[in-house]
Amino acid sequence: KSPRQMREKQKNVSGFWADNEEAKKRLLAAEVFDYNEFDSLQRFNGTHPAVMFKRIAEKNWEIEMDISKKHFTFKDRILYWIEKKTGRRLFGFRNYRII
């Protein structure tokens, strides 16, 4: 989603999970969404479905950020390392079954 769309999403759901007024004010203060808040991102190098080609071509925003930097707690850094080495995510919540 574009930074503006993400910002609107954040604005709409902030009442559900922001635990105090100070947190809500901080979330709602920015004009656009700050993608640097994510702990880990990686560039998508695959092929998009055909239905997405037009939407991607019409994209009118660009995000410049260093995705090589990870923002993990010590525990999450260990879990991330294990996942990268084994391909399995420990203690992850899944609300589905692979059949």
PDB file of N, CA and C in Angstrom:
ATOM      1  N   LYS A   1       0.841  -1.189   0.000  1.00  0.00           N
ATOM      2  CA  LYS A   1       0.000   0.000   0.000  1.00  0.00           C
ATOM      3  C   LYS A   1       0.875   1.237   0.000  1.00  0.00           C
ATOM      4  N   SER A   2       0.342   2.294  -0.539  1.00  0.00           N
ATOM      5  CA  SER A   2       1.080   3.555  -0.577  1.00  0.00           C
ATOM      6  C   SER A   2       1.220   4.109   0.837  1.00  0.00           C
ATOM      7  N   PRO A   3       2.160   5.037   1.053  1.00  0.00           N
ATOM      8  CA  PRO A   3       2.306   5.634   2.378  1.00  0.00           C
ATOM      9  C   PRO A   3       1.028   6.303   2.876  1.00  0.00           C
ATOM     10  N   ARG A   4       0.295   6.938   1.990  1.00  0.00           N
ATOM     11  CA  ARG A   4      -0.965   7.575   2.408  1.00  0.00           C
ATOM     12  C   ARG A   4      -2.025   6.532   2.788  1.00  0.00           C
ATOM     13  N   GLN A   5      -2.118   5.450   2.007  1.00  0.00           N
ATOM     14  CA  GLN A   5      -3.077   4.395   2.326  1.00  0.00           C
ATOM     15  C   GLN A   5      -2.727   3.728   3.661  1.00  0.00           C
ATOM     16  N   MET A   6      -1.437   3.500   3.893  1.00  0.00           N
ATOM     17  CA  MET A   6      -1.007   2.908   5.159  1.00  0.00           C
ATOM     18  C   MET A   6      -1.303   3.851   6.314  1.00  0.00           C
ATOM     19  N   ARG A   7      -1.148   5.132   6.088  1.00  0.00           N
ATOM     20  CA  ARG A   7      -1.422   6.133   7.116  1.00  0.00           C
ATOM     21  C   ARG A   7      -2.913   6.124   7.473  1.00  0.00           C
ATOM     22  N   GLU A   8      -3.776   6.039   6.466  1.00  0.00           N
ATOM     23  CA  GLU A   8      -5.217   5.965   6.714  1.00  0.00           C
ATOM     24  C   GLU A   8      -5.584   4.697   7.469  1.00  0.00           C
ATOM     25  N   LYS A   9      -4.967   3.590   7.087  1.00  0.00           N
ATOM     26  CA  LYS A   9      -5.209   2.327   7.782  1.00  0.00           C
ATOM     27  C   LYS A   9      -4.808   2.463   9.247  1.00  0.00           C
ATOM     28  N   GLN A  10      -3.647   3.036   9.492  1.00  0.00           N
ATOM     29  CA  GLN A  10      -3.158   3.229  10.850  1.00  0.00           C
ATOM     30  C   GLN A  10      -4.114   4.120  11.650  1.00  0.00           C
ATOM     31  N   LYS A  11      -4.592   5.154  11.016  1.00  0.00           N
ATOM     32  CA  LYS A  11      -5.533   6.074  11.662  1.00  0.00           C
ATOM     33  C   LYS A  11      -6.824   5.348  12.041  1.00  0.00           C
ATOM     34  N   ASN A  12      -7.318   4.504  11.150  1.00  0.00           N
ATOM     35  CA  ASN A  12      -8.578   3.798  11.386  1.00  0.00           C
ATOM     36  C   ASN A  12      -8.476   2.744  12.476  1.00  0.00           C
ATOM     37  N   VAL A  13      -7.348   2.068  12.590  1.00  0.00           N
ATOM     38  CA  VAL A  13      -7.230   0.991  13.569  1.00  0.00           C
ATOM     39  C   VAL A  13      -6.557   1.419  14.862  1.00  0.00           C
ATOM     40  N   SER A  14      -6.069   2.647  14.942  1.00  0.00           N
ATOM     41  CA  SER A  14      -5.343   3.075  16.145  1.00  0.00           C
ATOM     42  C   SER A  14      -6.202   2.985  17.402  1.00  0.00           C
ATOM     43  N   GLY A  15      -7.483   3.187  17.280  1.00  0.00           N
ATOM     44  CA  GLY A  15      -8.362   3.101  18.440  1.00  0.00           C
ATOM     45  C   GLY A  15      -8.480   1.703  19.004  1.00  0.00           C
ATOM     46  N   PHE A  16      -8.207   0.706  18.196  1.00  0.00           N
ATOM     47  CA  PHE A  16      -8.327  -0.676  18.653  1.00  0.00           C
ATOM     48  C   PHE A  16      -7.132  -1.139  19.478  1.00  0.00           C
ATOM     49  N   TRP A  17      -5.920  -0.659  19.135  1.00  0.00           N
ATOM     50  CA  TRP A  17      -4.756  -1.207  19.807  1.00  0.00           C
ATOM     51  C   TRP A  17      -3.842  -0.189  20.469  1.00  0.00           C
ATOM     52  N   ALA A  18      -4.018   1.084  20.259  1.00  0.00           N
ATOM     53  CA  ALA A  18      -3.205   2.079  20.967  1.00  0.00           C
ATOM     54  C   ALA A  18      -3.704   2.146  22.405  1.00  0.00           C
ATOM     55  N   ASP A  19      -2.815   1.897  23.357  1.00  0.00           N
ATOM     56  CA  ASP A  19      -3.252   1.727  24.742  1.00  0.00           C
ATOM     57  C   ASP A  19      -3.389   3.019  25.537  1.00  0.00           C
ATOM     58  N   ASN A  20      -2.927   4.152  24.996  1.00  0.00           N
ATOM     59  CA  ASN A  20      -3.108   5.404  25.724  1.00  0.00           C
ATOM     60  C   ASN A  20      -3.182   6.575  24.747  1.00  0.00           C
ATOM     61  N   GLU A  21      -3.571   7.713  25.264  1.00  0.00           N
ATOM     62  CA  GLU A  21      -3.750   8.893  24.411  1.00  0.00           C
ATOM     63  C   GLU A  21      -2.437   9.370  23.796  1.00  0.00           C
ATOM     64  N   GLU A  22      -1.345   9.268  24.536  1.00  0.00           N
ATOM     65  CA  GLU A  22      -0.039   9.707  24.027  1.00  0.00           C
ATOM     66  C   GLU A  22       0.365   8.872  22.809  1.00  0.00           C
ATOM     67  N   ALA A  23       0.140   7.581  22.871  1.00  0.00           N
ATOM     68  CA  ALA A  23       0.455   6.704  21.741  1.00  0.00           C
ATOM     69  C   ALA A  23      -0.420   7.050  20.537  1.00  0.00           C
ATOM     70  N   LYS A  24      -1.692   7.321  20.762  1.00  0.00           N
ATOM     71  CA  LYS A  24      -2.593   7.687  19.670  1.00  0.00           C
ATOM     72  C   LYS A  24      -2.154   8.987  19.005  1.00  0.00           C
ATOM     73  N   LYS A  25      -1.767   9.974  19.805  1.00  0.00           N
ATOM     74  CA  LYS A  25      -1.311  11.249  19.248  1.00  0.00           C
ATOM     75  C   LYS A  25      -0.071  11.072  18.392  1.00  0.00           C
ATOM     76  N   ARG A  26       0.863  10.251  18.866  1.00  0.00           N
ATOM     77  CA  ARG A  26       2.094  10.009  18.108  1.00  0.00           C
ATOM     78  C   ARG A  26       1.781   9.324  16.782  1.00  0.00           C
ATOM     79  N   LEU A  27       0.867   8.355  16.813  1.00  0.00           N
ATOM     80  CA  LEU A  27       0.501   7.631  15.594  1.00  0.00           C
ATOM     81  C   LEU A  27      -0.178   8.540  14.571  1.00  0.00           C
ATOM     82  N   LEU A  28      -0.980   9.458  15.046  1.00  0.00           N
ATOM     83  CA  LEU A  28      -1.775  10.290  14.153  1.00  0.00           C
ATOM     84  C   LEU A  28      -1.067  11.576  13.729  1.00  0.00           C
ATOM     85  N   ALA A  29       0.109  11.842  14.257  1.00  0.00           N
ATOM     86  CA  ALA A  29       0.797  13.104  13.993  1.00  0.00           C
ATOM     87  C   ALA A  29       1.396  13.189  12.587  1.00  0.00           C
ATOM     88  N   ALA A  30       1.821  12.100  12.023  1.00  0.00           N
ATOM     89  CA  ALA A  30       2.540  12.118  10.746  1.00  0.00           C
ATOM     90  C   ALA A  30       1.591  12.270   9.564  1.00  0.00           C
ATOM     91  N   GLU A  31       2.101  12.873   8.485  1.00  0.00           N
ATOM     92  CA  GLU A  31       1.343  13.020   7.239  1.00  0.00           C
ATOM     93  C   GLU A  31       1.222  11.684   6.509  1.00  0.00           C
ATOM     94  N   VAL A  32       2.324  10.958   6.453  1.00  0.00           N
ATOM     95  CA  VAL A  32       2.359   9.675   5.754  1.00  0.00           C
ATOM     96  C   VAL A  32       2.942   8.621   6.681  1.00  0.00           C
ATOM     97  N   PHE A  33       2.757   7.384   6.322  1.00  0.00           N
ATOM     98  CA  PHE A  33       3.220   6.260   7.126  1.00  0.00           C
ATOM     99  C   PHE A  33       4.741   6.148   7.057  1.00  0.00           C
ATOM    100  N   ASP A  34       5.364   5.833   8.184  1.00  0.00           N
ATOM    101  CA  ASP A  34       6.809   5.653   8.250  1.00  0.00           C
ATOM    102  C   ASP A  34       7.132   4.163   8.197  1.00  0.00           C
ATOM    103  N   TYR A  35       7.630   3.705   7.066  1.00  0.00           N
ATOM    104  CA  TYR A  35       7.943   2.288   6.890  1.00  0.00           C
ATOM    105  C   TYR A  35       9.149   1.851   7.705  1.00  0.00           C
ATOM    106  N   ASN A  36       9.907   2.774   8.263  1.00  0.00           N
ATOM    107  CA  ASN A  36      11.064   2.418   9.080  1.00  0.00           C
ATOM    108  C   ASN A  36      10.668   1.787  10.403  1.00  0.00           C
ATOM    109  N   GLU A  37       9.380   1.804  10.736  1.00  0.00           N
ATOM    110  CA  GLU A  37       8.904   1.188  11.973  1.00  0.00           C
ATOM    111  C   GLU A  37       8.909  -0.344  11.891  1.00  0.00           C
ATOM    112  N   PHE A  38       8.934  -0.902  10.690  1.00  0.00           N
ATOM    113  CA  PHE A  38       8.957  -2.355  10.546  1.00  0.00           C
ATOM    114  C   PHE A  38      10.289  -2.900  11.027  1.00  0.00           C
ATOM    115  N   ASP A  39      10.274  -4.084  11.649  1.00  0.00           N
ATOM    116  CA  ASP A  39      11.524  -4.633  12.159  1.00  0.00           C
ATOM    117  C   ASP A  39      12.370  -5.266  11.067  1.00  0.00           C
ATOM    118  N   SER A  40      11.755  -5.747  10.002  1.00  0.00           N
ATOM    119  CA  SER A  40      12.522  -6.387   8.936  1.00  0.00           C
ATOM    120  C   SER A  40      11.712  -6.371   7.640  1.00  0.00           C
ATOM    121  N   LEU A  41      12.324  -5.893   6.580  1.00  0.00           N
ATOM    122  CA  LEU A  41      11.703  -5.902   5.257  1.00  0.00           C
ATOM    123  C   LEU A  41      12.692  -6.473   4.258  1.00  0.00           C
ATOM    124  N   GLN A  42      12.184  -7.058   3.191  1.00  0.00           N
ATOM    125  CA  GLN A  42      13.068  -7.473   2.115  1.00  0.00           C
ATOM    126  C   GLN A  42      12.388  -7.183   0.788  1.00  0.00           C
ATOM    127  N   ARG A  43      13.210  -6.852  -0.200  1.00  0.00           N
ATOM    128  CA  ARG A  43      12.704  -6.486  -1.520  1.00  0.00           C
ATOM    129  C   ARG A  43      12.105  -7.710  -2.205  1.00  0.00           C
ATOM    130  N   PHE A  44      10.945  -7.514  -2.819  1.00  0.00           N
ATOM    131  CA  PHE A  44      10.280  -8.579  -3.566  1.00  0.00           C
ATOM    132  C   PHE A  44      10.905  -8.666  -4.950  1.00  0.00           C
ATOM    133  N   ASN A  45      11.438  -9.822  -5.290  1.00  0.00           N
ATOM    134  CA  ASN A  45      12.083 -10.015  -6.589  1.00  0.00           C
ATOM    135  C   ASN A  45      11.340 -11.015  -7.458  1.00  0.00           C
ATOM    136  N   GLY A  46      10.173 -11.437  -7.014  1.00  0.00           N
ATOM    137  CA  GLY A  46       9.398 -12.419  -7.764  1.00  0.00           C
ATOM    138  C   GLY A  46       8.564 -11.763  -8.858  1.00  0.00           C
ATOM    139  N   THR A  47       7.638 -12.524  -9.394  1.00  0.00           N
ATOM    140  CA  THR A  47       6.741 -12.039 -10.435  1.00  0.00           C
ATOM    141  C   THR A  47       5.364 -11.797  -9.822  1.00  0.00           C
ATOM    142  N   HIS A  48       4.819 -10.629 -10.060  1.00  0.00           N
ATOM    143  CA  HIS A  48       3.494 -10.306  -9.553  1.00  0.00           C
ATOM    144  C   HIS A  48       2.424 -10.968 -10.416  1.00  0.00           C
ATOM    145  N   PRO A  49       1.250 -11.238  -9.839  1.00  0.00           N
ATOM    146  CA  PRO A  49       0.132 -11.743 -10.643  1.00  0.00           C
ATOM    147  C   PRO A  49      -0.270 -10.709 -11.694  1.00  0.00           C
ATOM    148  N   ALA A  50      -0.791 -11.165 -12.803  1.00  0.00           N
ATOM    149  CA  ALA A  50      -1.155 -10.285 -13.913  1.00  0.00           C
ATOM    150  C   ALA A  50      -2.127  -9.199 -13.481  1.00  0.00           C
ATOM    151  N   VAL A  51      -3.005  -9.499 -12.527  1.00  0.00           N
ATOM    152  CA  VAL A  51      -3.993  -8.518 -12.086  1.00  0.00           C
ATOM    153  C   VAL A  51      -3.331  -7.304 -11.427  1.00  0.00           C
ATOM    154  N   MET A  52      -2.084  -7.426 -10.990  1.00  0.00           N
ATOM    155  CA  MET A  52      -1.388  -6.334 -10.308  1.00  0.00           C
ATOM    156  C   MET A  52      -0.595  -5.437 -11.252  1.00  0.00           C
ATOM    157  N   PHE A  53      -0.355  -5.834 -12.478  1.00  0.00           N
ATOM    158  CA  PHE A  53       0.516  -5.073 -13.387  1.00  0.00           C
ATOM    159  C   PHE A  53       0.059  -3.628 -13.572  1.00  0.00           C
ATOM    160  N   LYS A  54      -1.233  -3.417 -13.796  1.00  0.00           N
ATOM    161  CA  LYS A  54      -1.741  -2.063 -14.005  1.00  0.00           C
ATOM    162  C   LYS A  54      -1.554  -1.220 -12.744  1.00  0.00           C
ATOM    163  N   ARG A  55      -1.871  -1.789 -11.602  1.00  0.00           N
ATOM    164  CA  ARG A  55      -1.742  -1.061 -10.330  1.00  0.00           C
ATOM    165  C   ARG A  55      -0.288  -0.672 -10.062  1.00  0.00           C
ATOM    166  N   ILE A  56       0.633  -1.563 -10.330  1.00  0.00           N
ATOM    167  CA  ILE A  56       2.052  -1.277 -10.113  1.00  0.00           C
ATOM    168  C   ILE A  56       2.528  -0.194 -11.072  1.00  0.00           C
ATOM    169  N   ALA A  57       2.080  -0.259 -12.321  1.00  0.00           N
ATOM    170  CA  ALA A  57       2.476   0.740 -13.315  1.00  0.00           C
ATOM    171  C   ALA A  57       1.966   2.137 -12.942  1.00  0.00           C
ATOM    172  N   GLU A  58       0.815   2.211 -12.274  1.00  0.00           N
ATOM    173  CA  GLU A  58       0.226   3.495 -11.897  1.00  0.00           C
ATOM    174  C   GLU A  58       0.741   4.021 -10.561  1.00  0.00           C
ATOM    175  N   LYS A  59       1.626   3.280  -9.926  1.00  0.00           N
ATOM    176  CA  LYS A  59       2.158   3.674  -8.616  1.00  0.00           C
ATOM    177  C   LYS A  59       2.793   5.059  -8.715  1.00  0.00           C
ATOM    178  N   ASN A  60       2.410   5.961  -7.832  1.00  0.00           N
ATOM    179  CA  ASN A  60       2.911   7.327  -7.900  1.00  0.00           C
ATOM    180  C   ASN A  60       3.686   7.712  -6.639  1.00  0.00           C
ATOM    181  N   TRP A  61       4.319   6.745  -6.006  1.00  0.00           N
ATOM    182  CA  TRP A  61       5.086   7.018  -4.802  1.00  0.00           C
ATOM    183  C   TRP A  61       6.340   6.141  -4.786  1.00  0.00           C
ATOM    184  N   GLU A  62       7.319   6.614  -4.097  1.00  0.00           N
ATOM    185  CA  GLU A  62       8.590   5.903  -3.986  1.00  0.00           C
ATOM    186  C   GLU A  62       9.039   5.967  -2.531  1.00  0.00           C
ATOM    187  N   ILE A  63       9.546   4.871  -2.033  1.00  0.00           N
ATOM    188  CA  ILE A  63      10.038   4.831  -0.662  1.00  0.00           C
ATOM    189  C   ILE A  63      11.537   4.580  -0.708  1.00  0.00           C
ATOM    190  N   GLU A  64      12.275   5.443  -0.042  1.00  0.00           N
ATOM    191  CA  GLU A  64      13.714   5.254   0.049  1.00  0.00           C
ATOM    192  C   GLU A  64      14.052   4.898   1.478  1.00  0.00           C
ATOM    193  N   MET A  65      14.549   3.678   1.660  1.00  0.00           N
ATOM    194  CA  MET A  65      14.934   3.241   2.989  1.00  0.00           C
ATOM    195  C   MET A  65      15.963   2.133   2.882  1.00  0.00           C
ATOM    196  N   ASP A  66      16.734   1.955   3.927  1.00  0.00           N
ATOM    197  CA  ASP A  66      17.757   0.922   3.966  1.00  0.00           C
ATOM    198  C   ASP A  66      17.143  -0.340   4.556  1.00  0.00           C
ATOM    199  N   ILE A  67      16.803  -1.304   3.690  1.00  0.00           N
ATOM    200  CA  ILE A  67      16.153  -2.526   4.174  1.00  0.00           C
ATOM    201  C   ILE A  67      17.158  -3.530   4.730  1.00  0.00           C
ATOM    202  N   SER A  68      18.452  -3.211   4.658  1.00  0.00           N
ATOM    203  CA  SER A  68      19.447  -4.117   5.220  1.00  0.00           C
ATOM    204  C   SER A  68      19.494  -4.033   6.740  1.00  0.00           C
ATOM    205  N   LYS A  69      18.985  -2.965   7.315  1.00  0.00           N
ATOM    206  CA  LYS A  69      18.989  -2.803   8.765  1.00  0.00           C
ATOM    207  C   LYS A  69      17.763  -3.476   9.363  1.00  0.00           C
ATOM    208  N   LYS A  70      18.007  -4.273  10.389  1.00  0.00           N
ATOM    209  CA  LYS A  70      16.936  -4.963  11.100  1.00  0.00           C
ATOM    210  C   LYS A  70      16.769  -4.312  12.467  1.00  0.00           C
ATOM    211  N   HIS A  71      15.538  -4.237  12.946  1.00  0.00           N
ATOM    212  CA  HIS A  71      15.234  -3.613  14.230  1.00  0.00           C
ATOM    213  C   HIS A  71      14.594  -4.663  15.143  1.00  0.00           C
ATOM    214  N   PHE A  72      15.411  -5.572  15.641  1.00  0.00           N
ATOM    215  CA  PHE A  72      14.910  -6.665  16.457  1.00  0.00           C
ATOM    216  C   PHE A  72      15.311  -6.511  17.912  1.00  0.00           C
ATOM    217  N   THR A  73      14.487  -7.093  18.782  1.00  0.00           N
ATOM    218  CA  THR A  73      14.917  -7.300  20.159  1.00  0.00           C
ATOM    219  C   THR A  73      15.867  -8.491  20.128  1.00  0.00           C
ATOM    220  N   PHE A  74      16.567  -8.733  21.210  1.00  0.00           N
ATOM    221  CA  PHE A  74      17.499  -9.865  21.256  1.00  0.00           C
ATOM    222  C   PHE A  74      16.780 -11.181  20.977  1.00  0.00           C
ATOM    223  N   LYS A  75      15.612 -11.373  21.611  1.00  0.00           N
ATOM    224  CA  LYS A  75      14.833 -12.598  21.420  1.00  0.00           C
ATOM    225  C   LYS A  75      14.430 -12.756  19.957  1.00  0.00           C
ATOM    226  N   ASP A  76      13.931 -11.682  19.349  1.00  0.00           N
ATOM    227  CA  ASP A  76      13.499 -11.756  17.950  1.00  0.00           C
ATOM    228  C   ASP A  76      14.673 -11.972  17.004  1.00  0.00           C
ATOM    229  N   ARG A  77      15.834 -11.451  17.342  1.00  0.00           N
ATOM    230  CA  ARG A  77      17.036 -11.668  16.529  1.00  0.00           C
ATOM    231  C   ARG A  77      17.399 -13.152  16.505  1.00  0.00           C
ATOM    232  N   ILE A  78      17.308 -13.813  17.658  1.00  0.00           N
ATOM    233  CA  ILE A  78      17.593 -15.251  17.735  1.00  0.00           C
ATOM    234  C   ILE A  78      16.557 -16.033  16.932  1.00  0.00           C
ATOM    235  N   LEU A  79      15.272 -15.697  17.101  1.00  0.00           N
ATOM    236  CA  LEU A  79      14.218 -16.403  16.369  1.00  0.00           C
ATOM    237  C   LEU A  79      14.346 -16.188  14.863  1.00  0.00           C
ATOM    238  N   TYR A  80      14.727 -14.992  14.445  1.00  0.00           N
ATOM    239  CA  TYR A  80      14.933 -14.691  13.022  1.00  0.00           C
ATOM    240  C   TYR A  80      16.081 -15.536  12.468  1.00  0.00           C
ATOM    241  N   TRP A  81      17.169 -15.631  13.227  1.00  0.00           N
ATOM    242  CA  TRP A  81      18.326 -16.416  12.802  1.00  0.00           C
ATOM    243  C   TRP A  81      17.942 -17.886  12.642  1.00  0.00           C
ATOM    244  N   ILE A  82      17.194 -18.423  13.609  1.00  0.00           N
ATOM    245  CA  ILE A  82      16.753 -19.820  13.541  1.00  0.00           C
ATOM    246  C   ILE A  82      15.870 -20.038  12.311  1.00  0.00           C
ATOM    247  N   GLU A  83      14.963 -19.096  12.056  1.00  0.00           N
ATOM    248  CA  GLU A  83      14.081 -19.224  10.896  1.00  0.00           C
ATOM    249  C   GLU A  83      14.872 -19.210   9.595  1.00  0.00           C
ATOM    250  N   LYS A  84      15.875 -18.343   9.482  1.00  0.00           N
ATOM    251  CA  LYS A  84      16.675 -18.271   8.262  1.00  0.00           C
ATOM    252  C   LYS A  84      17.511 -19.536   8.066  1.00  0.00           C
ATOM    253  N   LYS A  85      17.986 -20.139   9.154  1.00  0.00           N
ATOM    254  CA  LYS A  85      18.810 -21.355   9.053  1.00  0.00           C
ATOM    255  C   LYS A  85      17.984 -22.606   8.790  1.00  0.00           C
ATOM    256  N   THR A  86      16.789 -22.699   9.394  1.00  0.00           N
ATOM    257  CA  THR A  86      15.999 -23.924   9.304  1.00  0.00           C
ATOM    258  C   THR A  86      14.795 -23.827   8.381  1.00  0.00           C
ATOM    259  N   GLY A  87      14.345 -22.597   8.099  1.00  0.00           N
ATOM    260  CA  GLY A  87      13.140 -22.429   7.293  1.00  0.00           C
ATOM    261  C   GLY A  87      11.863 -22.570   8.100  1.00  0.00           C
ATOM    262  N   ARG A  88      11.985 -22.768   9.414  1.00  0.00           N
ATOM    263  CA  ARG A  88      10.814 -22.925  10.279  1.00  0.00           C
ATOM    264  C   ARG A  88      10.718 -21.763  11.251  1.00  0.00           C
ATOM    265  N   ARG A  89       9.524 -21.228  11.410  1.00  0.00           N
ATOM    266  CA  ARG A  89       9.286 -20.141  12.358  1.00  0.00           C
ATOM    267  C   ARG A  89       8.778 -20.737  13.667  1.00  0.00           C
ATOM    268  N   LEU A  90       9.542 -20.540  14.730  1.00  0.00           N
ATOM    269  CA  LEU A  90       9.164 -21.062  16.036  1.00  0.00           C
ATOM    270  C   LEU A  90       8.164 -20.123  16.711  1.00  0.00           C
ATOM    271  N   PHE A  91       7.211 -20.702  17.400  1.00  0.00           N
ATOM    272  CA  PHE A  91       6.246 -19.965  18.221  1.00  0.00           C
ATOM    273  C   PHE A  91       5.377 -18.993  17.423  1.00  0.00           C
ATOM    274  N   GLY A  92       5.268 -19.176  16.126  1.00  0.00           N
ATOM    275  CA  GLY A  92       4.451 -18.289  15.314  1.00  0.00           C
ATOM    276  C   GLY A  92       2.985 -18.656  15.403  1.00  0.00           C
ATOM    277  N   PHE A  93       2.116 -17.661  15.370  1.00  0.00           N
ATOM    278  CA  PHE A  93       0.677 -17.899  15.389  1.00  0.00           C
ATOM    279  C   PHE A  93       0.183 -18.110  13.968  1.00  0.00           C
ATOM    280  N   ARG A  94      -0.553 -19.193  13.761  1.00  0.00           N
ATOM    281  CA  ARG A  94      -1.185 -19.430  12.466  1.00  0.00           C
ATOM    282  C   ARG A  94      -2.641 -19.776  12.714  1.00  0.00           C
ATOM    283  N   ASN A  95      -3.510 -19.054  12.082  1.00  0.00           N
ATOM    284  CA  ASN A  95      -4.945 -19.330  12.241  1.00  0.00           C
ATOM    285  C   ASN A  95      -5.475 -20.132  11.049  1.00  0.00           C
ATOM    286  N   TYR A  96      -4.615 -20.992  10.516  1.00  0.00           N
ATOM    287  CA  TYR A  96      -5.008 -21.823   9.388  1.00  0.00           C
ATOM    288  C   TYR A  96      -4.217 -23.140   9.439  1.00  0.00           C
ATOM    289  N   ARG A  97      -4.683 -24.124   8.653  1.00  0.00           N
ATOM    290  CA  ARG A  97      -3.986 -25.380   8.485  1.00  0.00           C
ATOM    291  C   ARG A  97      -3.679 -25.586   7.018  1.00  0.00           C
ATOM    292  N   ILE A  98      -2.488 -26.044   6.710  1.00  0.00           N
ATOM    293  CA  ILE A  98      -2.141 -26.365   5.341  1.00  0.00           C
ATOM    294  C   ILE A  98      -2.676 -27.770   5.047  1.00  0.00           C
ATOM    295  N   ILE A  99      -3.520 -27.863   3.997  1.00  0.00           N
ATOM    296  CA  ILE A  99      -4.116 -29.167   3.674  1.00  0.00           C
ATOM    297  C   ILE A  99      -3.644 -29.637   2.314  1.00  0.00           C
TER     298      ILE A  99
END
